Each structure stands twice: as C-alpha cells, then as structure tokens.
PDB file of N, CA and C in Angstrom:
ATOM      1  N   MET A   1      81.730 198.246 136.654  1.00  0.00           N
ATOM      2  CA  MET A   1      82.663 197.574 137.529  1.00  0.00           C
ATOM      3  C   MET A   1      83.211 198.546 138.552  1.00  0.00           C
ATOM      4  N   THR A   2      83.336 198.051 139.755  1.00  0.00           N
ATOM      5  CA  THR A   2      83.894 198.913 140.788  1.00  0.00           C
ATOM      6  C   THR A   2      85.399 198.698 140.866  1.00  0.00           C
ATOM      7  N   GLU A   3      86.066 199.742 141.168  1.00  0.00           N
ATOM      8  CA  GLU A   3      87.517 199.671 141.267  1.00  0.00           C
ATOM      9  C   GLU A   3      87.905 199.224 142.669  1.00  0.00           C
ATOM     10  N   ARG A   4      88.830 198.290 142.772  1.00  0.00           N
ATOM     11  CA  ARG A   4      89.261 197.779 144.071  1.00  0.00           C
ATOM     12  C   ARG A   4      90.375 198.660 144.614  1.00  0.00           C
ATOM     13  N   ARG A   5      90.308 198.897 145.885  1.00  0.00           N
ATOM     14  CA  ARG A   5      91.364 199.658 146.531  1.00  0.00           C
ATOM     15  C   ARG A   5      91.903 198.809 147.686  1.00  0.00           C
ATOM     16  N   PRO A   6      93.153 198.995 148.038  1.00  0.00           N
ATOM     17  CA  PRO A   6      93.688 198.221 149.164  1.00  0.00           C
ATOM     18  C   PRO A   6      93.060 198.665 150.476  1.00  0.00           C
ATOM     19  N   LEU A   7      92.936 197.711 151.382  1.00  0.00           N
ATOM     20  CA  LEU A   7      92.365 198.010 152.697  1.00  0.00           C
ATOM     21  C   LEU A   7      93.399 198.725 153.562  1.00  0.00           C
ATOM     22  N   ASP A   8      92.900 199.663 154.352  1.00  0.00           N
ATOM     23  CA  ASP A   8      93.825 200.335 155.262  1.00  0.00           C
ATOM     24  C   ASP A   8      93.934 199.513 156.554  1.00  0.00           C
ATOM     25  N   ASP A   9      94.762 199.972 157.466  1.00  0.00           N
ATOM     26  CA  ASP A   9      95.049 199.208 158.686  1.00  0.00           C
ATOM     27  C   ASP A   9      93.820 199.015 159.565  1.00  0.00           C
ATOM     28  N   GLU A  10      92.969 200.008 159.663  1.00  0.00           N
ATOM     29  CA  GLU A  10      91.776 199.897 160.515  1.00  0.00           C
ATOM     30  C   GLU A  10      90.805 198.859 159.964  1.00  0.00           C
ATOM     31  N   GLU A  11      90.614 198.869 158.646  1.00  0.00           N
ATOM     32  CA  GLU A  11      89.709 197.879 158.034  1.00  0.00           C
ATOM     33  C   GLU A  11      90.263 196.468 158.192  1.00  0.00           C
ATOM     34  N   LEU A  12      91.567 196.326 157.999  1.00  0.00           N
ATOM     35  CA  LEU A  12      92.173 195.004 158.181  1.00  0.00           C
ATOM     36  C   LEU A  12      92.043 194.533 159.621  1.00  0.00           C
ATOM     37  N   GLU A  13      92.272 195.433 160.557  1.00  0.00           N
ATOM     38  CA  GLU A  13      92.176 195.057 161.953  1.00  0.00           C
ATOM     39  C   GLU A  13      90.758 194.640 162.330  1.00  0.00           C
ATOM     40  N   SER A  14      89.756 195.315 161.767  1.00  0.00           N
ATOM     41  CA  SER A  14      88.375 194.922 162.051  1.00  0.00           C
ATOM     42  C   SER A  14      88.053 193.555 161.445  1.00  0.00           C
ATOM     43  N   LEU A  15      88.592 193.265 160.260  1.00  0.00           N
ATOM     44  CA  LEU A  15      88.396 191.939 159.671  1.00  0.00           C
ATOM     45  C   LEU A  15      89.056 190.851 160.510  1.00  0.00           C
ATOM     46  N   PHE A  16      90.271 191.117 160.993  1.00  0.00           N
ATOM     47  CA  PHE A  16      90.960 190.129 161.818  1.00  0.00           C
ATOM     48  C   PHE A  16      90.252 189.924 163.149  1.00  0.00           C
ATOM     49  N   ALA A  17      89.730 190.986 163.727  1.00  0.00           N
ATOM     50  CA  ALA A  17      88.995 190.858 164.989  1.00  0.00           C
ATOM     51  C   ALA A  17      87.736 190.021 164.796  1.00  0.00           C
ATOM     52  N   ALA A  18      87.037 190.233 163.676  1.00  0.00           N
ATOM     53  CA  ALA A  18      85.838 189.430 163.394  1.00  0.00           C
ATOM     54  C   ALA A  18      86.203 187.968 163.191  1.00  0.00           C
ATOM     55  N   ALA A  19      87.341 187.719 162.551  1.00  0.00           N
ATOM     56  CA  ALA A  19      87.769 186.336 162.336  1.00  0.00           C
ATOM     57  C   ALA A  19      88.152 185.674 163.652  1.00  0.00           C
ATOM     58  N   ARG A  20      88.753 186.435 164.569  1.00  0.00           N
ATOM     59  CA  ARG A  20      89.123 185.862 165.862  1.00  0.00           C
ATOM     60  C   ARG A  20      87.898 185.536 166.704  1.00  0.00           C
ATOM     61  N   GLN A  21      86.846 186.323 166.573  1.00  0.00           N
ATOM     62  CA  GLN A  21      85.649 186.097 167.373  1.00  0.00           C
ATOM     63  C   GLN A  21      84.822 184.925 166.863  1.00  0.00           C
ATOM     64  N   SER A  22      84.808 184.711 165.563  1.00  0.00           N
ATOM     65  CA  SER A  22      84.006 183.599 165.033  1.00  0.00           C
ATOM     66  C   SER A  22      84.852 182.334 165.066  1.00  0.00           C
ATOM     67  N   ARG A  23      84.425 181.376 165.805  1.00  0.00           N
ATOM     68  CA  ARG A  23      85.123 180.105 165.919  1.00  0.00           C
ATOM     69  C   ARG A  23      84.217 179.028 165.344  1.00  0.00           C
ATOM     70  N   PRO A  24      84.529 178.563 164.132  1.00  0.00           N
ATOM     71  CA  PRO A  24      83.664 177.547 163.536  1.00  0.00           C
ATOM     72  C   PRO A  24      83.772 176.228 164.294  1.00  0.00           C
ATOM     73  N   LEU A  25      82.657 175.587 164.511  1.00  0.00           N
ATOM     74  CA  LEU A  25      82.610 174.301 165.200  1.00  0.00           C
ATOM     75  C   LEU A  25      82.605 173.185 164.169  1.00  0.00           C
ATOM     76  N   PRO A  26      83.219 172.070 164.495  1.00  0.00           N
ATOM     77  CA  PRO A  26      83.170 170.940 163.571  1.00  0.00           C
ATOM     78  C   PRO A  26      81.748 170.397 163.475  1.00  0.00           C
ATOM     79  N   SER A  27      81.480 169.739 162.375  1.00  0.00           N
ATOM     80  CA  SER A  27      80.135 169.197 162.183  1.00  0.00           C
ATOM     81  C   SER A  27      79.876 168.067 163.182  1.00  0.00           C
ATOM     82  N   SER A  28      78.607 167.814 163.425  1.00  0.00           N
ATOM     83  CA  SER A  28      78.251 166.760 164.390  1.00  0.00           C
ATOM     84  C   SER A  28      78.675 165.389 163.876  1.00  0.00           C
ATOM     85  N   GLY A  29      78.677 165.199 162.555  1.00  0.00           N
ATOM     86  CA  GLY A  29      79.111 163.917 161.998  1.00  0.00           C
ATOM     87  C   GLY A  29      80.583 163.656 162.270  1.00  0.00           C
ATOM     88  N   LEU A  30      81.402 164.700 162.169  1.00  0.00           N
ATOM     89  CA  LEU A  30      82.823 164.544 162.450  1.00  0.00           C
ATOM     90  C   LEU A  30      83.049 164.207 163.918  1.00  0.00           C
ATOM     91  N   ILE A  31      82.369 164.879 164.790  1.00  0.00           N
ATOM     92  CA  ILE A  31      82.520 164.608 166.220  1.00  0.00           C
ATOM     93  C   ILE A  31      82.100 163.176 166.538  1.00  0.00           C
ATOM     94  N   GLU A  32      81.008 162.698 165.928  1.00  0.00           N
ATOM     95  CA  GLU A  32      80.551 161.318 166.164  1.00  0.00           C
ATOM     96  C   GLU A  32      81.589 160.316 165.671  1.00  0.00           C
ATOM     97  N   ARG A  33      82.173 160.564 164.494  1.00  0.00           N
ATOM     98  CA  ARG A  33      83.180 159.636 163.964  1.00  0.00           C
ATOM     99  C   ARG A  33      84.431 159.611 164.837  1.00  0.00           C
ATOM    100  N   VAL A  34      84.874 160.771 165.322  1.00  0.00           N
ATOM    101  CA  VAL A  34      86.055 160.824 166.180  1.00  0.00           C
ATOM    102  C   VAL A  34      85.799 160.083 167.486  1.00  0.00           C
ATOM    103  N   LEU A  35      84.625 160.300 168.091  1.00  0.00           N
ATOM    104  CA  LEU A  35      84.302 159.621 169.336  1.00  0.00           C
ATOM    105  C   LEU A  35      84.178 158.111 169.142  1.00  0.00           C
ATOM    106  N   ALA A  36      83.578 157.680 168.022  1.00  0.00           N
ATOM    107  CA  ALA A  36      83.465 156.240 167.749  1.00  0.00           C
ATOM    108  C   ALA A  36      84.841 155.623 167.544  1.00  0.00           C
ATOM    109  N   ASP A  37      85.725 156.333 166.854  1.00  0.00           N
ATOM    110  CA  ASP A  37      87.076 155.822 166.637  1.00  0.00           C
ATOM    111  C   ASP A  37      87.847 155.741 167.947  1.00  0.00           C
ATOM    112  N   SER A  38      87.716 156.747 168.796  1.00  0.00           N
ATOM    113  CA  SER A  38      88.425 156.705 170.080  1.00  0.00           C
ATOM    114  C   SER A  38      87.884 155.587 170.969  1.00  0.00           C
ATOM    115  N   GLU A  39      86.589 155.334 170.923  1.00  0.00           N
ATOM    116  CA  GLU A  39      86.025 154.236 171.698  1.00  0.00           C
ATOM    117  C   GLU A  39      86.522 152.892 171.180  1.00  0.00           C
ATOM    118  N   ARG A  40      86.613 152.761 169.864  1.00  0.00           N
ATOM    119  CA  ARG A  40      87.113 151.527 169.267  1.00  0.00           C
ATOM    120  C   ARG A  40      88.578 151.291 169.674  1.00  0.00           C
ATOM    121  N   GLN A  41      89.390 152.345 169.668  1.00  0.00           N
ATOM    122  CA  GLN A  41      90.789 152.210 170.068  1.00  0.00           C
ATOM    123  C   GLN A  41      90.913 151.881 171.564  1.00  0.00           C
ATOM    124  N   ALA A  42      90.086 152.504 172.395  1.00  0.00           N
ATOM    125  CA  ALA A  42      90.120 152.225 173.827  1.00  0.00           C
ATOM    126  C   ALA A  42      89.749 150.781 174.103  1.00  0.00           C
ATOM    127  N   ASN A  43      88.764 150.246 173.390  1.00  0.00           N
ATOM    128  CA  ASN A  43      88.379 148.839 173.558  1.00  0.00           C
ATOM    129  C   ASN A  43      89.496 147.915 173.099  1.00  0.00           C
ATOM    130  N   ALA A  44      90.184 148.285 172.020  1.00  0.00           N
ATOM    131  CA  ALA A  44      91.280 147.453 171.529  1.00  0.00           C
ATOM    132  C   ALA A  44      92.429 147.433 172.523  1.00  0.00           C
ATOM    133  N   VAL A  45      92.706 148.564 173.141  1.00  0.00           N
ATOM    134  CA  VAL A  45      93.769 148.618 174.149  1.00  0.00           C
ATOM    135  C   VAL A  45      93.376 147.796 175.365  1.00  0.00           C
ATOM    136  N   ALA A  46      92.130 147.869 175.731  1.00  0.00           N
ATOM    137  CA  ALA A  46      91.665 147.100 176.886  1.00  0.00           C
ATOM    138  C   ALA A  46      91.778 145.601 176.626  1.00  0.00           C
ATOM    139  N   ARG A  47      91.551 145.170 175.392  1.00  0.00           N
ATOM    140  CA  ARG A  47      91.679 143.752 175.052  1.00  0.00           C
ATOM    141  C   ARG A  47      93.137 143.353 174.832  1.00  0.00           C
ATOM    142  N   GLY A  48      94.035 144.332 174.694  1.00  0.00           N
ATOM    143  CA  GLY A  48      95.443 144.019 174.451  1.00  0.00           C
ATOM    144  C   GLY A  48      95.759 143.796 172.987  1.00  0.00           C
ATOM    145  N   ALA A  49      94.886 144.207 172.109  1.00  0.00           N
ATOM    146  CA  ALA A  49      95.085 143.965 170.683  1.00  0.00           C
ATOM    147  C   ALA A  49      95.489 145.223 169.938  1.00  0.00           C
ATOM    148  N   ALA A  50      95.928 146.222 170.633  1.00  0.00           N
ATOM    149  CA  ALA A  50      96.245 147.491 169.978  1.00  0.00           C
ATOM    150  C   ALA A  50      97.642 147.455 169.381  1.00  0.00           C
ATOM    151  N   THR A  51      97.746 147.488 168.106  1.00  0.00           N
ATOM    152  CA  THR A  51      98.953 147.605 167.282  1.00  0.00           C
ATOM    153  C   THR A  51     100.106 146.710 167.702  1.00  0.00           C
ATOM    154  N   SER A  52      99.909 145.812 168.642  1.00  0.00           N
ATOM    155  CA  SER A  52     100.997 144.910 168.990  1.00  0.00           C
ATOM    156  C   SER A  52     100.799 143.604 168.238  1.00  0.00           C
ATOM    157  N   GLY A  53     101.850 142.810 168.175  1.00  0.00           N
ATOM    158  CA  GLY A  53     101.763 141.529 167.509  1.00  0.00           C
ATOM    159  C   GLY A  53     102.294 141.552 166.090  1.00  0.00           C
ATOM    160  N   ARG A  54     102.472 142.749 165.535  1.00  0.00           N
ATOM    161  CA  ARG A  54     103.015 142.849 164.185  1.00  0.00           C
ATOM    162  C   ARG A  54     104.376 143.502 164.278  1.00  0.00           C
ATOM    163  N   GLY A  55     105.339 142.862 163.707  1.00  0.00           N
ATOM    164  CA  GLY A  55     106.681 143.411 163.718  1.00  0.00           C
ATOM    165  C   GLY A  55     107.025 144.029 162.377  1.00  0.00           C
ATOM    166  N   VAL A  56     108.255 144.442 162.252  1.00  0.00           N
ATOM    167  CA  VAL A  56     108.724 145.067 161.019  1.00  0.00           C
ATOM    168  C   VAL A  56     108.672 144.090 159.842  1.00  0.00           C
ATOM    169  N   PRO A  57     109.109 142.829 159.984  1.00  0.00           N
ATOM    170  CA  PRO A  57     109.040 141.926 158.824  1.00  0.00           C
ATOM    171  C   PRO A  57     107.617 141.699 158.320  1.00  0.00           C
ATOM    172  N   ASP A  58     106.643 141.740 159.201  1.00  0.00           N
ATOM    173  CA  ASP A  58     105.258 141.577 158.765  1.00  0.00           C
ATOM    174  C   ASP A  58     104.744 142.812 158.039  1.00  0.00           C
ATOM    175  N   ALA A  59     105.271 143.973 158.366  1.00  0.00           N
ATOM    176  CA  ALA A  59     104.793 145.217 157.775  1.00  0.00           C
ATOM    177  C   ALA A  59     105.462 145.541 156.439  1.00  0.00           C
ATOM    178  N   ILE A  60     106.583 144.896 156.105  1.00  0.00           N
ATOM    179  CA  ILE A  60     107.302 145.230 154.869  1.00  0.00           C
ATOM    180  C   ILE A  60     106.479 144.934 153.623  1.00  0.00           C
ATOM    181  N   PRO A  61     105.864 143.755 153.458  1.00  0.00           N
ATOM    182  CA  PRO A  61     105.093 143.540 152.231  1.00  0.00           C
ATOM    183  C   PRO A  61     103.932 144.516 152.072  1.00  0.00           C
ATOM    184  N   GLU A  62     103.317 144.896 153.174  1.00  0.00           N
ATOM    185  CA  GLU A  62     102.225 145.855 153.095  1.00  0.00           C
ATOM    186  C   GLU A  62     102.743 147.235 152.706  1.00  0.00           C
ATOM    187  N   THR A  63     103.925 147.567 153.157  1.00  0.00           N
ATOM    188  CA  THR A  63     104.511 148.859 152.832  1.00  0.00           C
ATOM    189  C   THR A  63     104.973 148.897 151.388  1.00  0.00           C
ATOM    190  N   VAL A  64     105.588 147.835 150.915  1.00  0.00           N
ATOM    191  CA  VAL A  64     106.124 147.802 149.558  1.00  0.00           C
ATOM    192  C   VAL A  64     105.006 147.694 148.532  1.00  0.00           C
ATOM    193  N   ARG A  65     103.912 147.075 148.874  1.00  0.00           N
ATOM    194  CA  ARG A  65     102.720 146.969 148.028  1.00  0.00           C
ATOM    195  C   ARG A  65     102.941 146.130 146.771  1.00  0.00           C
ATOM    196  N   GLY A  66     103.338 144.922 146.954  1.00  0.00           N
ATOM    197  CA  GLY A  66     103.307 144.014 145.824  1.00  0.00           C
ATOM    198  C   GLY A  66     104.631 143.332 145.555  1.00  0.00           C
ATOM    199  N   ILE A  67     104.529 142.211 144.847  1.00  0.00           N
ATOM    200  CA  ILE A  67     105.708 141.417 144.519  1.00  0.00           C
ATOM    201  C   ILE A  67     106.630 142.134 143.535  1.00  0.00           C
ATOM    202  N   PRO A  68     106.133 142.780 142.460  1.00  0.00           N
ATOM    203  CA  PRO A  68     107.067 143.461 141.547  1.00  0.00           C
ATOM    204  C   PRO A  68     107.891 144.547 142.237  1.00  0.00           C
ATOM    205  N   ALA A  69     107.276 145.289 143.118  1.00  0.00           N
ATOM    206  CA  ALA A  69     108.024 146.326 143.822  1.00  0.00           C
ATOM    207  C   ALA A  69     109.041 145.711 144.769  1.00  0.00           C
ATOM    208  N   ALA A  70     108.667 144.616 145.439  1.00  0.00           N
ATOM    209  CA  ALA A  70     109.602 143.953 146.350  1.00  0.00           C
ATOM    210  C   ALA A  70     110.779 143.363 145.576  1.00  0.00           C
ATOM    211  N   LEU A  71     110.504 142.775 144.410  1.00  0.00           N
ATOM    212  CA  LEU A  71     111.595 142.230 143.601  1.00  0.00           C
ATOM    213  C   LEU A  71     112.519 143.337 143.100  1.00  0.00           C
ATOM    214  N   GLY A  72     111.958 144.463 142.712  1.00  0.00           N
ATOM    215  CA  GLY A  72     112.783 145.588 142.288  1.00  0.00           C
ATOM    216  C   GLY A  72     113.645 146.113 143.413  1.00  0.00           C
ATOM    217  N   LEU A  73     113.068 146.179 144.612  1.00  0.00           N
ATOM    218  CA  LEU A  73     113.824 146.630 145.772  1.00  0.00           C
ATOM    219  C   LEU A  73     114.957 145.669 146.103  1.00  0.00           C
ATOM    220  N   MET A  74     114.673 144.362 146.051  1.00  0.00           N
ATOM    221  CA  MET A  74     115.721 143.380 146.326  1.00  0.00           C
ATOM    222  C   MET A  74     116.797 143.398 145.250  1.00  0.00           C
ATOM    223  N   GLY A  75     116.401 143.581 143.983  1.00  0.00           N
ATOM    224  CA  GLY A  75     117.388 143.667 142.907  1.00  0.00           C
ATOM    225  C   GLY A  75     118.289 144.878 143.048  1.00  0.00           C
ATOM    226  N   ALA A  76     117.712 146.016 143.412  1.00  0.00           N
ATOM    227  CA  ALA A  76     118.518 147.222 143.612  1.00  0.00           C
ATOM    228  C   ALA A  76     119.468 147.052 144.787  1.00  0.00           C
ATOM    229  N   ALA A  77     119.005 146.401 145.850  1.00  0.00           N
ATOM    230  CA  ALA A  77     119.874 146.162 147.001  1.00  0.00           C
ATOM    231  C   ALA A  77     121.016 145.219 146.636  1.00  0.00           C
ATOM    232  N   ALA A  78     120.717 144.162 145.879  1.00  0.00           N
ATOM    233  CA  ALA A  78     121.764 143.226 145.458  1.00  0.00           C
ATOM    234  C   ALA A  78     122.759 143.896 144.526  1.00  0.00           C
ATOM    235  N   ALA A  79     122.276 144.732 143.608  1.00  0.00           N
ATOM    236  CA  ALA A  79     123.188 145.440 142.707  1.00  0.00           C
ATOM    237  C   ALA A  79     124.070 146.403 143.489  1.00  0.00           C
ATOM    238  N   GLY A  80     123.512 147.092 144.463  1.00  0.00           N
ATOM    239  CA  GLY A  80     124.319 148.005 145.271  1.00  0.00           C
ATOM    240  C   GLY A  80     125.393 147.277 146.056  1.00  0.00           C
ATOM    241  N   LEU A  81     125.044 146.121 146.625  1.00  0.00           N
ATOM    242  CA  LEU A  81     126.046 145.340 147.339  1.00  0.00           C
ATOM    243  C   LEU A  81     127.135 144.831 146.395  1.00  0.00           C
ATOM    244  N   ALA A  82     126.750 144.355 145.218  1.00  0.00           N
ATOM    245  CA  ALA A  82     127.732 143.847 144.267  1.00  0.00           C
ATOM    246  C   ALA A  82     128.656 144.956 143.778  1.00  0.00           C
ATOM    247  N   ILE A  83     128.094 146.112 143.464  1.00  0.00           N
ATOM    248  CA  ILE A  83     128.925 147.226 143.011  1.00  0.00           C
ATOM    249  C   ILE A  83     129.857 147.673 144.128  1.00  0.00           C
ATOM    250  N   GLY A  84     129.350 147.757 145.326  1.00  0.00           N
ATOM    251  CA  GLY A  84     130.190 148.169 146.445  1.00  0.00           C
ATOM    252  C   GLY A  84     131.274 147.159 146.770  1.00  0.00           C
ATOM    253  N   PHE A  85     130.999 145.894 146.587  1.00  0.00           N
ATOM    254  CA  PHE A  85     131.984 144.866 146.925  1.00  0.00           C
ATOM    255  C   PHE A  85     133.033 144.687 145.835  1.00  0.00           C
ATOM    256  N   PHE A  86     132.604 144.672 144.577  1.00  0.00           N
ATOM    257  CA  PHE A  86     133.529 144.365 143.493  1.00  0.00           C
ATOM    258  C   PHE A  86     134.152 145.591 142.842  1.00  0.00           C
ATOM    259  N   ALA A  87     133.698 146.774 143.131  1.00  0.00           N
ATOM    260  CA  ALA A  87     134.206 147.959 142.437  1.00  0.00           C
ATOM    261  C   ALA A  87     135.605 148.341 142.896  1.00  0.00           C
ATOM    262  N   ALA A  88     136.010 148.003 144.091  1.00  0.00           N
ATOM    263  CA  ALA A  88     137.312 148.437 144.588  1.00  0.00           C
ATOM    264  C   ALA A  88     138.469 147.743 143.877  1.00  0.00           C
ATOM    265  N   LEU A  89     138.310 146.498 143.476  1.00  0.00           N
ATOM    266  CA  LEU A  89     139.405 145.771 142.855  1.00  0.00           C
ATOM    267  C   LEU A  89     139.813 146.335 141.493  1.00  0.00           C
ATOM    268  N   PRO A  90     138.905 146.558 140.536  1.00  0.00           N
ATOM    269  CA  PRO A  90     139.340 147.089 139.251  1.00  0.00           C
ATOM    270  C   PRO A  90     139.915 148.499 139.354  1.00  0.00           C
ATOM    271  N   LEU A  91     139.391 149.338 140.213  1.00  0.00           N
ATOM    272  CA  LEU A  91     139.925 150.693 140.334  1.00  0.00           C
ATOM    273  C   LEU A  91     141.330 150.681 140.896  1.00  0.00           C
ATOM    274  N   ASP A  92     141.596 149.808 141.846  1.00  0.00           N
ATOM    275  CA  ASP A  92     142.938 149.715 142.392  1.00  0.00           C
ATOM    276  C   ASP A  92     143.910 149.207 141.326  1.00  0.00           C
ATOM    277  N   GLY A  93     143.477 148.227 140.556  1.00  0.00           N
ATOM    278  CA  GLY A  93     144.328 147.715 139.485  1.00  0.00           C
ATOM    279  C   GLY A  93     144.605 148.755 138.414  1.00  0.00           C
ATOM    280  N   LEU A  94     143.594 149.532 138.064  1.00  0.00           N
ATOM    281  CA  LEU A  94     143.796 150.567 137.049  1.00  0.00           C
ATOM    282  C   LEU A  94     144.725 151.654 137.544  1.00  0.00           C
ATOM    283  N   SER A  95     144.597 152.066 138.780  1.00  0.00           N
ATOM    284  CA  SER A  95     145.471 153.119 139.281  1.00  0.00           C
ATOM    285  C   SER A  95     146.905 152.627 139.373  1.00  0.00           C
ATOM    286  N   GLY A  96     147.097 151.370 139.742  1.00  0.00           N
ATOM    287  CA  GLY A  96     148.452 150.831 139.786  1.00  0.00           C
ATOM    288  C   GLY A  96     149.076 150.758 138.406  1.00  0.00           C
ATOM    289  N   VAL A  97     148.302 150.361 137.405  1.00  0.00           N
ATOM    290  CA  VAL A  97     148.806 150.294 136.036  1.00  0.00           C
ATOM    291  C   VAL A  97     149.110 151.691 135.524  1.00  0.00           C
ATOM    292  N   TYR A  98     148.235 152.640 135.808  1.00  0.00           N
ATOM    293  CA  TYR A  98     148.442 154.002 135.339  1.00  0.00           C
ATOM    294  C   TYR A  98     149.701 154.601 135.939  1.00  0.00           C
ATOM    295  N   LEU A  99     149.887 154.393 137.226  1.00  0.00           N
ATOM    296  CA  LEU A  99     151.067 154.962 137.872  1.00  0.00           C
ATOM    297  C   LEU A  99     152.342 154.282 137.419  1.00  0.00           C
ATOM    298  N   GLU A 100     152.307 152.988 137.172  1.00  0.00           N
ATOM    299  CA  GLU A 100     153.515 152.285 136.734  1.00  0.00           C
ATOM    300  C   GLU A 100     153.882 152.640 135.307  1.00  0.00           C
ATOM    301  N   VAL A 101     152.899 152.800 134.436  1.00  0.00           N
ATOM    302  CA  VAL A 101     153.181 153.061 133.025  1.00  0.00           C
ATOM    303  C   VAL A 101     153.619 154.501 132.818  1.00  0.00           C
ATOM    304  N   SER A 102     152.932 155.460 133.453  1.00  0.00           N
ATOM    305  CA  SER A 102     153.173 156.861 133.147  1.00  0.00           C
ATOM    306  C   SER A 102     154.478 157.371 133.739  1.00  0.00           C
ATOM    307  N   ALA A 103     154.782 157.072 134.985  1.00  0.00           N
ATOM    308  CA  ALA A 103     155.965 157.674 135.591  1.00  0.00           C
ATOM    309  C   ALA A 103     156.767 156.686 136.421  1.00  0.00           C
ATOM    310  N   ASP A 104     156.350 155.459 136.439  1.00  0.00           N
ATOM    311  CA  ASP A 104     157.018 154.427 137.208  1.00  0.00           C
ATOM    312  C   ASP A 104     157.081 154.786 138.697  1.00  0.00           C
ATOM    313  N   PHE A 105     155.974 155.345 139.211  1.00  0.00           N
ATOM    314  CA  PHE A 105     155.834 155.656 140.624  1.00  0.00           C
ATOM    315  C   PHE A 105     154.872 154.661 141.255  1.00  0.00           C
ATOM    316  N   SER A 106     155.010 154.494 142.522  1.00  0.00           N
ATOM    317  CA  SER A 106     154.006 153.739 143.249  1.00  0.00           C
ATOM    318  C   SER A 106     153.242 154.712 144.144  1.00  0.00           C
ATOM    319  N   ILE A 107     152.177 154.249 144.691  1.00  0.00           N
ATOM    320  CA  ILE A 107     151.345 155.103 145.540  1.00  0.00           C
ATOM    321  C   ILE A 107     152.138 155.590 146.747  1.00  0.00           C
ATOM    322  N   GLU A 108     153.020 154.775 147.279  1.00  0.00           N
ATOM    323  CA  GLU A 108     153.799 155.165 148.452  1.00  0.00           C
ATOM    324  C   GLU A 108     154.738 156.323 148.146  1.00  0.00           C
ATOM    325  N   ASP A 109     155.180 156.454 146.894  1.00  0.00           N
ATOM    326  CA  ASP A 109     156.056 157.564 146.525  1.00  0.00           C
ATOM    327  C   ASP A 109     155.300 158.879 146.431  1.00  0.00           C
ATOM    328  N   ILE A 110     154.027 158.810 146.111  1.00  0.00           N
ATOM    329  CA  ILE A 110     153.245 160.029 145.912  1.00  0.00           C
ATOM    330  C   ILE A 110     152.628 160.496 147.213  1.00  0.00           C
ATOM    331  N   MET A 111     152.037 159.583 147.971  1.00  0.00           N
ATOM    332  CA  MET A 111     151.339 159.959 149.197  1.00  0.00           C
ATOM    333  C   MET A 111     152.214 159.655 150.399  1.00  0.00           C
ATOM    334  N   PRO A 112     152.383 160.621 151.295  1.00  0.00           N
ATOM    335  CA  PRO A 112     153.213 160.359 152.477  1.00  0.00           C
ATOM    336  C   PRO A 112     152.511 159.406 153.431  1.00  0.00           C
ATOM    337  N   SER A 113     153.296 158.648 154.140  1.00  0.00           N
ATOM    338  CA  SER A 113     152.726 157.733 155.115  1.00  0.00           C
ATOM    339  C   SER A 113     152.568 158.444 156.451  1.00  0.00           C
ATOM    340  N   PHE A 114     151.990 157.757 157.387  1.00  0.00           N
ATOM    341  CA  PHE A 114     151.801 158.312 158.726  1.00  0.00           C
ATOM    342  C   PHE A 114     153.152 158.607 159.371  1.00  0.00           C
ATOM    343  N   PHE A 115     154.128 157.728 159.144  1.00  0.00           N
ATOM    344  CA  PHE A 115     155.427 157.896 159.775  1.00  0.00           C
ATOM    345  C   PHE A 115     156.191 159.070 159.165  1.00  0.00           C
ATOM    346  N   ASP A 116     155.996 159.326 157.868  1.00  0.00           N
ATOM    347  CA  ASP A 116     156.616 160.499 157.248  1.00  0.00           C
ATOM    348  C   ASP A 116     156.051 161.784 157.850  1.00  0.00           C
ATOM    349  N   LEU A 117     154.767 161.795 158.093  1.00  0.00           N
ATOM    350  CA  LEU A 117     154.156 162.971 158.681  1.00  0.00           C
ATOM    351  C   LEU A 117     154.583 163.163 160.136  1.00  0.00           C
ATOM    352  N   MET A 118     154.791 162.102 160.876  1.00  0.00           N
ATOM    353  CA  MET A 118     155.205 162.193 162.271  1.00  0.00           C
ATOM    354  C   MET A 118     156.636 162.689 162.400  1.00  0.00           C
ATOM    355  N   SER A 119     157.467 162.423 161.417  1.00  0.00           N
ATOM    356  CA  SER A 119     158.852 162.890 161.497  1.00  0.00           C
ATOM    357  C   SER A 119     158.942 164.400 161.328  1.00  0.00           C
ATOM    358  N   GLU A 120     157.928 165.018 160.734  1.00  0.00           N
ATOM    359  CA  GLU A 120     157.946 166.466 160.550  1.00  0.00           C
ATOM    360  C   GLU A 120     157.441 167.218 161.765  1.00  0.00           C
ATOM    361  N   VAL A 121     156.890 166.537 162.726  1.00  0.00           N
ATOM    362  CA  VAL A 121     156.331 167.220 163.911  1.00  0.00           C
ATOM    363  C   VAL A 121     157.390 167.609 164.876  1.00  0.00           C
TER     364      VAL A 121
END
C-alpha cells in the first residue's frame, strides 16, 4: 500500500487549472429533450394555452393530493378557528375568579390604564 500525502499548493493549482479547462458538454439526448420541451412551450404560448385558465381553487386538490389529506387540512383549520374563537372566554373568566378569590383585586387595580400613564407625563 502506498502512503497518501497531502497535495501542495502547486499540485492543487495544476488540478484546478485542468478542471477549469475541461468543460463537459451535456449529452445529445439531454439537448434534444430540452429543445423539444422549449418548442412545445413556445407552441402552447402561441396558441394561448400556456398555464392560464387554472386558478388557485383548481390547483388546491392537486396540491393536497387526495380527499383524506384535504379533510385533515379542513379539520385542522376548523379546530384552529374554534380554539381561537372560544379560548378567550374561559381564560378571562378564570383570571377574574382567581383575582377576586385570592386578593379581591380587579384587573384595573393591577394594570394601569392609559389615562394613569398620561398623568405621569
């Protein structure tokens, strides 16, 4: 087995120069496919059928990929709306009960109002 040694700067520079000089060309099959695709797109634009006619609502089922995923998405959205809408009432009630039972304070006694802050200016 031969022992490997690190390359010095001159050897690295010669490798990089060789890499810069060799420019690999794409295969002829790739070039043919790209040209055929561009011709197909140009013809579609000329006919007026290029990516127009489909809006966001038409693209949603294709993006979501199926009824179970769409139902899960709608259920999560409905749960988020319900939690956001109904969550404020119980928390406000609990804080009012906690403040009344523990020290008989109201929120206005603890937090200054805008007018209290303006009087200090």
